[in-house]
Protein backbone atom coordinates (compact mmCIF):
# COMPACT_ATOMS: atom_id res chain seq x y z
CA MET A 1 0.02 0.02 0.06
CA ASN A 2 1.38 3.54 -0.84
CA PRO A 3 2.73 5.39 2.33
CA LEU A 4 0.19 8.10 1.59
CA ALA A 5 -2.91 6.00 1.69
CA ALA A 6 -1.61 4.25 4.83
CA GLU A 7 -0.80 7.81 6.70
CA LEU A 8 -4.85 8.96 5.71
CA ASN A 9 -5.97 5.43 6.80
CA GLU A 10 -4.28 6.22 10.21
CA ILE A 11 -6.01 9.52 10.34
CA ILE A 12 -9.42 8.17 9.74
CA LYS A 13 -8.98 5.08 12.34
CA GLY A 14 -7.45 7.78 14.89
CA SER A 15 -10.92 9.96 14.58
CA ASN A 16 -13.57 7.32 13.77
CA PRO A 17 -12.36 3.54 13.29
CA HIS A 18 -15.85 2.81 12.14
CA ILE A 19 -15.15 4.87 8.81
CA TYR A 20 -12.25 3.06 8.22
CA ASP A 21 -13.80 -0.37 8.47
CA MET A 22 -16.68 1.25 5.91
CA LEU A 23 -13.91 1.52 3.23
CA SER A 24 -13.82 -0.68 0.29
CA GLU A 25 -10.70 -2.16 -0.51
CA VAL A 26 -10.28 0.67 -3.38
CA GLY A 27 -11.15 3.41 -0.80
CA LYS A 28 -8.40 1.94 1.69
CA ARG A 29 -5.85 2.23 -1.15
CA LEU A 30 -6.80 5.46 -2.35
CA PHE A 31 -4.90 8.60 -1.52
CA PHE A 32 -3.94 11.68 -3.44
CA PRO A 33 -0.75 11.52 -5.01
CA LYS A 34 1.97 14.32 -4.61
CA GLY A 35 4.14 13.56 -7.57
CA ILE A 36 3.72 15.91 -10.38
CA LEU A 37 0.93 17.79 -8.92
CA THR A 38 2.89 18.54 -5.87
CA GLN A 39 6.13 19.59 -7.72
CA SER A 40 4.20 21.85 -9.95
CA ALA A 41 2.49 23.57 -6.91
CA GLU A 42 6.15 24.23 -5.59
CA ALA A 43 7.30 25.66 -8.82
CA ARG A 44 4.44 27.83 -9.15
CA GLU A 45 5.63 29.48 -5.89
CA LYS A 46 9.38 29.44 -6.46
CA ALA A 47 10.27 29.05 -10.23
CA TYR A 48 10.79 32.69 -10.96
CA LEU A 49 12.88 32.26 -14.26
CA PHE A 50 11.05 28.98 -16.25
CA ASN A 51 8.32 26.78 -15.11
CA ALA A 52 8.28 23.69 -17.15
CA THR A 53 6.07 21.49 -15.17
CA ILE A 54 2.58 21.48 -16.28
CA GLY A 55 0.95 19.84 -19.20
CA MET A 56 -0.54 23.37 -20.64
CA ALA A 57 0.89 25.69 -23.46
CA THR A 58 1.24 29.12 -22.65
CA GLU A 59 1.84 32.25 -24.95
CA LYS A 60 3.41 35.65 -23.97
CA GLY A 61 3.14 34.93 -20.39
CA ASP A 62 -0.57 33.69 -20.13
CA THR A 63 -2.94 30.61 -21.26
CA MET A 64 -2.26 29.88 -25.14
CA TYR A 65 -5.81 29.63 -26.88
CA LEU A 66 -7.74 29.93 -30.01
CA PRO A 67 -9.69 32.66 -30.78
CA SER A 68 -12.10 31.08 -32.21
CA ILE A 69 -12.94 29.27 -29.09
CA MET A 70 -12.35 32.30 -26.87
CA ASN A 71 -14.71 34.61 -29.02
CA ILE A 72 -17.61 31.97 -28.17
CA ILE A 73 -16.73 32.34 -24.24
CA GLN A 74 -17.57 35.95 -23.65
CA GLY A 75 -16.50 37.51 -20.45
CA LEU A 76 -14.15 34.70 -19.00
CA SER A 77 -10.49 34.72 -19.37
CA PRO A 78 -8.48 32.02 -20.56
CA LYS A 79 -7.00 31.01 -17.38
CA ASP A 80 -10.38 30.53 -15.75
CA SER A 81 -11.79 28.64 -18.39
CA LEU A 82 -9.42 26.49 -20.58
CA THR A 83 -6.82 25.52 -17.85
CA TYR A 84 -7.10 22.19 -15.74
CA ALA A 85 -8.72 22.88 -12.65
CA PRO A 86 -7.65 20.95 -9.32
CA SER A 87 -8.84 17.10 -8.80
CA PHE A 88 -10.58 18.76 -5.69
CA GLY A 89 -12.42 21.44 -7.81
CA ILE A 90 -12.06 24.94 -7.86
CA LYS A 91 -11.35 26.29 -4.04
CA GLU A 92 -13.94 28.89 -4.13
CA LEU A 93 -16.47 26.96 -5.67
CA ARG A 94 -16.34 24.29 -3.17
CA GLU A 95 -16.82 26.85 -0.25
CA ALA A 96 -19.73 28.64 -2.01
CA TRP A 97 -21.50 25.45 -2.21
CA LYS A 98 -20.79 24.47 1.21
CA GLU A 99 -21.77 27.97 2.53
CA SER A 100 -24.99 27.24 0.22
CA LEU A 101 -25.68 23.62 2.00
CA TYR A 102 -26.00 25.66 5.22
CA GLN A 103 -28.66 27.95 3.72
CA LYS A 104 -30.56 25.30 2.23
CA ASN A 105 -30.61 22.86 5.07
CA PRO A 106 -31.70 24.44 8.78
CA SER A 107 -30.67 20.92 10.52
CA LEU A 108 -27.36 21.66 9.52
CA LYS A 109 -26.77 24.42 11.96
CA GLY A 110 -24.08 23.67 14.53
CA LYS A 111 -22.89 20.90 12.61
CA GLU A 112 -19.63 20.38 11.10
CA ILE A 113 -19.49 18.87 7.24
CA SER A 114 -16.44 18.23 5.06
CA LEU A 115 -15.43 20.62 2.08
CA PRO A 116 -17.36 19.38 -0.93
CA VAL A 117 -15.38 17.75 -3.52
CA VAL A 118 -16.25 18.56 -7.35
CA THR A 119 -17.43 15.74 -9.51
CA ASN A 120 -18.53 15.31 -12.96
CA ALA A 121 -22.10 15.47 -12.06
CA ILE A 122 -24.21 13.58 -9.65
CA THR A 123 -23.74 10.15 -11.60
CA HIS A 124 -19.80 10.33 -11.64
CA ALA A 125 -20.25 11.30 -7.98
CA LEU A 126 -22.00 7.95 -6.95
CA ALA A 127 -19.42 6.43 -8.84
CA VAL A 128 -16.67 7.57 -6.95
CA VAL A 129 -18.35 6.72 -3.45
CA GLY A 130 -19.09 3.56 -5.24
CA ASP A 131 -15.31 3.07 -5.58
CA MET A 132 -14.78 4.21 -2.31
CA PHE A 133 -17.27 2.50 -0.46
CA VAL A 134 -18.58 -0.36 -1.99
CA ASP A 135 -17.13 -4.04 -2.15
CA SER A 136 -18.17 -7.18 -4.50
CA GLY A 137 -21.14 -8.73 -2.11
CA ASP A 138 -21.73 -5.65 -0.27
CA VAL A 139 -25.33 -4.87 0.09
CA LEU A 140 -26.90 -2.04 -1.15
CA VAL A 141 -30.74 -1.24 0.14
CA LEU A 142 -32.81 0.60 -2.58
CA PRO A 143 -36.89 1.57 -2.83
CA ASP A 144 -38.51 -0.74 -5.94
CA LYS A 145 -39.19 2.40 -7.64
CA MET A 146 -35.61 3.45 -7.92
CA TRP A 147 -33.56 5.18 -10.80
CA GLY A 148 -32.11 2.60 -13.21
CA ASN A 149 -28.62 3.77 -13.44
CA TYR A 150 -28.08 2.65 -9.59
CA ASN A 151 -27.84 -1.24 -11.03
CA MET A 152 -25.13 0.00 -13.53
CA ILE A 153 -23.29 2.01 -10.66
CA PHE A 154 -23.28 -0.24 -7.92
CA SER A 155 -23.94 -3.64 -9.15
CA VAL A 156 -22.83 -4.15 -12.58
CA ARG A 157 -19.22 -1.85 -11.86
CA ARG A 158 -19.08 -2.91 -8.02
CA GLY A 159 -20.50 -6.01 -7.98
CA ALA A 160 -22.92 -4.79 -4.79
CA LYS A 161 -26.24 -6.90 -4.10
CA ILE A 162 -29.20 -4.57 -4.37
CA VAL A 163 -32.13 -5.45 -1.90
CA ASN A 164 -35.20 -3.40 -2.63
CA TYR A 165 -38.17 -2.66 -0.16
CA THR A 166 -41.45 -1.29 -1.26
CA LEU A 167 -41.33 2.40 -1.46
CA PHE A 168 -45.02 3.38 -0.60
CA ASN A 169 -47.18 1.79 1.76
CA GLU A 170 -50.93 1.43 1.49
CA ASN A 171 -51.82 4.92 2.54
CA ASN A 172 -49.64 6.17 -0.22
CA GLY A 173 -46.78 7.57 2.18
CA PHE A 174 -43.39 6.24 2.63
CA ASN A 175 -43.19 2.69 3.77
CA ILE A 176 -41.31 3.08 7.22
CA GLU A 177 -42.41 -0.44 8.00
CA GLY A 178 -41.16 -1.92 4.97
CA PHE A 179 -37.76 -0.10 4.84
CA ASN A 180 -37.30 -0.69 9.00
CA SER A 181 -38.22 -4.49 8.30
CA CYS A 182 -35.68 -4.76 5.45
CA LEU A 183 -32.67 -3.09 7.39
CA ASN A 184 -33.13 -4.94 10.85
CA GLU A 185 -33.26 -8.36 8.40
CA LEU A 186 -29.90 -7.54 6.65
CA SER A 187 -28.61 -6.54 9.86
CA LYS A 188 -28.84 -10.13 10.91
CA LYS A 189 -26.20 -11.27 8.47
CA TYR A 190 -24.05 -7.95 7.44
CA ARG A 191 -22.00 -5.68 9.43
CA LYS A 192 -22.02 -2.86 6.63
CA ILE A 193 -25.11 -1.56 4.59
CA ILE A 194 -25.52 1.04 2.30
CA VAL A 195 -28.73 2.78 1.80
CA VAL A 196 -29.39 4.96 -1.21
CA LEU A 197 -32.11 7.48 -0.12
CA ASN A 198 -33.43 9.64 -3.21
CA PHE A 199 -35.61 12.65 -2.72
CA PRO A 200 -37.26 14.08 -4.69
CA ASN A 201 -37.49 10.43 -6.14
CA ASN A 202 -36.66 9.46 -9.54
CA PRO A 203 -39.11 7.96 -11.13
CA THR A 204 -41.82 8.67 -8.91
CA GLY A 205 -41.64 12.55 -7.93
CA TYR A 206 -42.44 11.74 -4.09
CA THR A 207 -40.49 13.53 -1.26
CA ILE A 208 -40.81 12.36 2.33
CA SER A 209 -42.61 14.61 4.89
CA THR A 210 -40.85 15.75 7.98
CA ARG A 211 -42.52 12.98 9.82
CA GLU A 212 -41.32 10.28 7.47
CA ALA A 213 -37.68 11.84 7.80
CA ASP A 214 -37.74 11.37 11.30
CA GLY A 215 -38.85 7.81 11.15
CA ILE A 216 -36.22 7.17 8.44
CA CYS A 217 -33.46 8.58 10.66
CA GLU A 218 -34.71 6.59 13.90
CA VAL A 219 -34.77 3.28 11.58
CA ILE A 220 -31.05 3.83 10.77
CA ALA A 221 -30.02 4.65 14.18
CA GLY A 222 -31.52 1.80 15.62
CA VAL A 223 -29.88 -0.29 13.29
CA ALA A 224 -26.41 1.23 13.79
CA GLN A 225 -26.87 0.89 17.66
CA LYS A 226 -26.65 -2.61 16.97
CA GLY A 227 -23.21 -2.52 15.83
CA VAL A 228 -23.87 -2.38 12.08
CA ASN A 229 -21.93 0.38 10.22
CA ILE A 230 -24.32 2.19 7.74
CA ILE A 231 -23.29 4.33 4.73
CA VAL A 232 -26.29 6.59 3.77
CA PHE A 233 -25.68 7.92 0.25
CA SER A 234 -28.15 10.93 0.04
CA ASP A 235 -28.91 11.30 -4.05
CA ASP A 236 -30.43 15.21 -4.11
CA ALA A 237 -30.28 15.33 -7.72
CA TYR A 238 -33.65 17.34 -7.58
CA PHE A 239 -33.12 19.17 -4.85
CA GLY A 240 -35.28 22.22 -4.20
CA LEU A 241 -37.81 21.25 -6.34
CA PHE A 242 -40.56 20.78 -3.58
CA TYR A 243 -44.17 21.72 -4.46
CA GLU A 244 -46.15 20.88 -1.41
CA GLU A 245 -46.06 22.26 2.19
CA ASP A 246 -45.68 18.79 3.89
CA CYS A 247 -42.53 18.03 1.96
CA LEU A 248 -39.08 17.85 3.81
CA LYS A 249 -37.87 21.08 2.38
CA GLU A 250 -33.76 19.94 3.25
CA SER A 251 -31.72 17.08 2.69
CA ILE A 252 -31.97 14.04 4.86
CA PHE A 253 -28.03 14.29 5.04
CA SER A 254 -28.67 17.33 7.18
CA ARG A 255 -30.64 14.94 10.24
CA LEU A 256 -28.20 11.98 9.61
CA CYS A 257 -25.15 13.80 9.83
CA GLY A 258 -23.36 13.26 12.82
CA ILE A 259 -25.78 11.04 14.96
CA ASP A 260 -23.50 8.27 15.49
CA GLU A 261 -20.13 7.21 14.98
CA ARG A 262 -21.48 4.26 13.18
CA ILE A 263 -23.20 6.10 10.54
CA LEU A 264 -21.53 7.87 7.45
CA ALA A 265 -23.78 10.51 5.61
CA ILE A 266 -22.83 11.46 2.27
CA LYS A 267 -24.33 14.06 0.25
CA LEU A 268 -24.16 13.90 -3.58
CA ASP A 269 -25.79 16.97 -5.03
CA GLY A 270 -25.08 19.37 -7.77
CA ALA A 271 -25.96 22.44 -10.16
CA THR A 272 -27.42 19.91 -12.90
CA LYS A 273 -31.14 20.21 -11.90
CA GLU A 274 -30.59 22.85 -9.20
CA ASP A 275 -29.58 25.40 -11.92
CA TYR A 276 -30.67 23.76 -15.07
CA VAL A 277 -27.35 23.30 -16.42
CA TRP A 278 -27.72 19.62 -17.40
CA GLY A 279 -24.46 19.50 -19.65
CA LEU A 280 -22.59 21.43 -17.62
CA ARG A 281 -21.75 18.35 -15.27
CA VAL A 282 -20.92 19.95 -12.17
CA GLY A 283 -21.65 17.99 -9.00
CA PHE A 284 -20.41 17.36 -5.38
CA ILE A 285 -19.89 14.99 -2.62
CA THR A 286 -20.19 16.24 0.93
CA TYR A 287 -19.55 14.07 3.89
CA GLY A 288 -21.07 14.16 7.55
CA VAL A 289 -19.72 11.88 10.00
CA LYS A 290 -19.39 11.99 14.19
CA GLY A 291 -15.68 11.87 15.02
CA LYS A 292 -13.15 12.47 17.94
CA ASP A 293 -11.39 15.86 18.49
CA ASP A 294 -10.62 17.75 15.54
CA ILE A 295 -12.93 16.04 12.97
CA SER A 296 -11.21 18.42 10.17
CA ARG A 297 -8.44 15.78 9.83
CA LEU A 298 -11.29 12.88 9.48
CA TYR A 299 -12.73 15.31 6.57
CA ASP A 300 -9.41 16.24 5.13
CA ALA A 301 -8.45 12.35 4.74
CA LEU A 302 -11.86 11.69 3.12
CA GLU A 303 -11.41 14.80 0.88
CA ARG A 304 -7.98 13.54 -0.41
CA LYS A 305 -9.17 9.82 -0.94
CA THR A 306 -12.05 11.42 -3.03
CA ALA A 307 -10.09 13.58 -5.19
CA GLY A 308 -7.62 10.61 -5.54
CA ASP A 309 -10.21 8.58 -7.27
CA VAL A 310 -11.21 11.77 -9.44
CA ARG A 311 -7.63 12.31 -10.22
CA GLY A 312 -7.44 8.56 -11.02
CA SER A 313 -10.77 8.51 -13.26
CA ILE A 314 -11.14 11.96 -15.27
CA SER A 315 -8.28 13.82 -13.76
CA ASN A 316 -10.63 16.81 -13.08
CA THR A 317 -14.35 18.49 -13.83
CA SER A 318 -14.32 21.01 -16.58
CA HIS A 319 -12.82 24.39 -15.37
CA LEU A 320 -15.10 26.52 -17.63
CA SER A 321 -18.22 25.01 -16.04
CA GLN A 322 -17.29 25.36 -12.69
CA THR A 323 -16.33 28.86 -13.26
CA ILE A 324 -19.85 29.47 -14.94
CA ILE A 325 -21.49 28.15 -11.78
CA LEU A 326 -19.29 29.91 -9.27
CA ASN A 327 -20.15 33.14 -11.13
CA ALA A 328 -23.66 32.39 -11.09
CA MET A 329 -23.87 31.83 -7.60
CA ARG A 330 -22.26 35.28 -6.86
CA SER A 331 -24.79 37.03 -9.43
CA PRO A 332 -27.39 39.43 -7.50
CA ASN A 333 -30.20 37.83 -9.67
CA TYR A 334 -29.15 34.35 -8.86
CA LEU A 335 -31.92 33.44 -6.34
CA MET A 336 -34.41 35.18 -8.21
CA GLU A 337 -33.55 33.42 -11.23
CA LYS A 338 -33.99 30.17 -9.98
CA ARG A 339 -37.45 31.27 -8.05
CA GLU A 340 -38.71 32.09 -11.38
CA LYS A 341 -37.96 28.76 -12.85
CA TYR A 342 -39.21 27.17 -9.56
CA ASP A 343 -42.49 28.91 -10.07
CA ILE A 344 -42.76 27.30 -13.69
CA MET A 345 -42.05 23.92 -12.49
CA LYS A 346 -44.42 24.30 -9.60
CA GLY A 347 -47.39 25.47 -11.72
CA ARG A 348 -46.72 22.29 -13.87
CA ALA A 349 -46.88 20.10 -11.16
CA GLU A 350 -49.99 21.72 -9.96
CA GLU A 351 -51.63 21.54 -13.02
CA VAL A 352 -50.93 17.68 -13.28
CA LYS A 353 -52.69 17.30 -10.05
CA ARG A 354 -55.66 19.22 -11.32
CA VAL A 355 -56.08 17.46 -14.54
CA LEU A 356 -55.57 13.83 -12.66
CA SER A 357 -58.45 14.72 -10.31
CA ASP A 358 -60.51 14.08 -12.93
CA PRO A 359 -62.48 10.54 -12.11
CA LYS A 360 -62.61 9.49 -16.06
CA TYR A 361 -58.96 8.39 -15.73
CA ASN A 362 -59.80 5.89 -12.86
CA GLU A 363 -60.62 3.26 -15.38
CA VAL A 364 -57.12 2.97 -16.78
CA TRP A 365 -54.76 4.11 -13.90
CA ASP A 366 -54.06 5.25 -10.60
CA PRO A 367 -51.41 7.93 -10.17
CA TYR A 368 -48.53 7.41 -7.70
CA PRO A 369 -48.19 10.14 -5.16
CA PHE A 370 -45.85 13.15 -6.20
CA ASN A 371 -45.02 16.24 -4.72
CA SER A 372 -42.04 17.32 -6.31
CA GLY A 373 -39.03 16.91 -9.07
CA TYR A 374 -39.31 16.55 -12.71
CA PHE A 375 -41.60 13.40 -12.78
CA MET A 376 -44.60 11.20 -11.98
CA CYS A 377 -45.67 7.62 -12.35
CA LEU A 378 -49.12 5.96 -13.50
CA LYS A 379 -49.90 2.83 -12.36
CA LEU A 380 -51.67 1.33 -15.39
CA LYS A 381 -54.52 -1.10 -14.71
CA ASP A 382 -54.91 -4.40 -16.96
CA ILE A 383 -52.64 -2.52 -19.47
CA ASP A 384 -48.92 -3.27 -20.40
CA ALA A 385 -46.77 -0.30 -19.92
CA GLU A 386 -44.20 -1.20 -22.72
CA ASN A 387 -47.30 -1.91 -25.41
CA LEU A 388 -49.06 1.21 -24.25
CA ARG A 389 -45.79 3.17 -24.76
CA LYS A 390 -45.03 2.01 -28.13
CA TYR A 391 -48.53 2.65 -28.75
CA LEU A 392 -48.56 6.05 -28.08
CA LEU A 393 -45.27 6.51 -29.80
CA ASP A 394 -46.12 4.92 -32.80
CA ARG A 395 -49.96 6.15 -33.01
CA TYR A 396 -49.68 9.78 -31.20
CA GLY A 397 -46.12 10.53 -31.42
CA VAL A 398 -45.95 10.89 -27.66
CA GLY A 399 -42.81 9.83 -25.84
CA LEU A 400 -43.12 8.24 -22.22
CA ILE A 401 -41.05 5.64 -20.31
CA SER A 402 -42.38 2.33 -19.38
CA LEU A 403 -41.14 1.06 -15.96
CA GLY A 404 -41.74 -2.90 -15.45
CA GLU A 405 -45.34 -4.39 -16.33
CA ARG A 406 -47.51 -1.56 -15.09
CA ASP A 407 -45.80 1.65 -14.35
CA LEU A 408 -45.70 4.66 -16.78
CA ARG A 409 -43.13 8.01 -15.99
CA VAL A 410 -44.24 10.92 -17.13
CA ALA A 411 -41.73 13.84 -17.20
CA PHE A 412 -43.96 17.18 -16.68
CA SER A 413 -40.58 18.84 -16.25
CA CYS A 414 -40.36 19.04 -20.35
CA ILE A 415 -44.44 19.80 -20.77
CA GLU A 416 -45.84 23.21 -20.87
CA LYS A 417 -48.43 23.86 -18.66
CA VAL A 418 -50.98 24.48 -21.58
CA ASP A 419 -50.22 21.10 -22.87
CA ILE A 420 -50.52 18.92 -19.60
CA LYS A 421 -54.27 18.24 -20.17
CA ARG A 422 -53.91 17.46 -23.71
CA LEU A 423 -51.13 14.61 -22.85
CA PHE A 424 -53.06 13.13 -20.14
CA ASP A 425 -56.11 12.73 -22.54
CA THR A 426 -53.85 11.49 -25.15
CA ILE A 427 -52.76 8.84 -22.98
CA TYR A 428 -55.76 8.19 -21.50
CA LYS A 429 -57.41 7.87 -25.30
CA ALA A 430 -54.65 5.36 -26.05
CA ALA A 431 -54.82 3.20 -23.24
CA LEU A 432 -58.65 2.66 -23.82
CA GLU A 433 -58.41 1.73 -27.78
CA ILE A 434 -55.52 -0.95 -26.34
CA LYS A 435 -58.20 -2.35 -23.71
CA GLU A 436 -60.62 -2.45 -26.86
CA GLY A 437 -58.56 -4.33 -29.09
């Protein structure tokens, strides 16, 4: 094992040995290399004559560039847009995002969290924490209504065993009883359990209530108190898009952070949906733990391992994308502009609710509960979801996503409010035609 990795491991063990036990074999071996990066940093400070260390080209003392490219990038210098960013991410952006987490999550008040590490959006963030904490044969707990890419990230790539619980109970709320039963049953066999919590949920668009969040935290804490290490990946891809009063308006990460030494809370979020910049690919990994004494050394060790994984996979996230997000966050209009887009999204969600309240639709489907995010799902009655999807596409030019035998996902995020009734009427008409043969 590299001495730098061993040093980080000793720091983690000294603060909280349970966190060390949670690391995968890859995670234990990860470190942030000094080598070229360290030598280049030293050169930037001391090389007053020539600095021939970094693999970038310069011209007349500045970053070399093509005018045809910089003419497109208005208002940014080549240094702030074309150069390599640190594998940790731009320091100013990391600090700004951390500050925003405290603003958006009141339960974090008085708690210490890590400095976020920048990733190539949340999919990459999930892959990074998969490398760090998931070994082949580890168990990963997810609801039955889940984003399909979790299987690729954790099962196919890392060899995890995915165990599902039913997301909704008979009252169309979060299935606390099923979640509790699933974790407690697994605790009889496993000493490490990985839980993925995704709210607003993809594909259903459901976010838990404050009471349900309390119940989830109680279950996790109860299992941890039995001597089981629990890692919670909080996938907050659609954070902030909460449309009803009873939604939990903050990440459950903030409630899990620091409640038990055997619980490692990891927040995975990003600008992707929060700032409507899907292709810029800027995400973050933030840790919340309970440790001894100066917890900052534990966080620093985890950040270095995380940045080491980024370095060893993609090197770094786009400097241009990070600069755009940082400058936007500094804009005096930033929050107002986000509110304007939120209001549009909320209006679409409310229109979906209004349209689906028509009892005529009861003949062909029941909507799953939804109160947030981009999506909602229809539970079809006696109609195959894939058959209906294909029929809608071929006959009416309507595209939806089929999930399993009976579920159909509708992304109202990309449908204008004025078109929502026509969309569902078309789905209803197509369903009746299939039923009638």
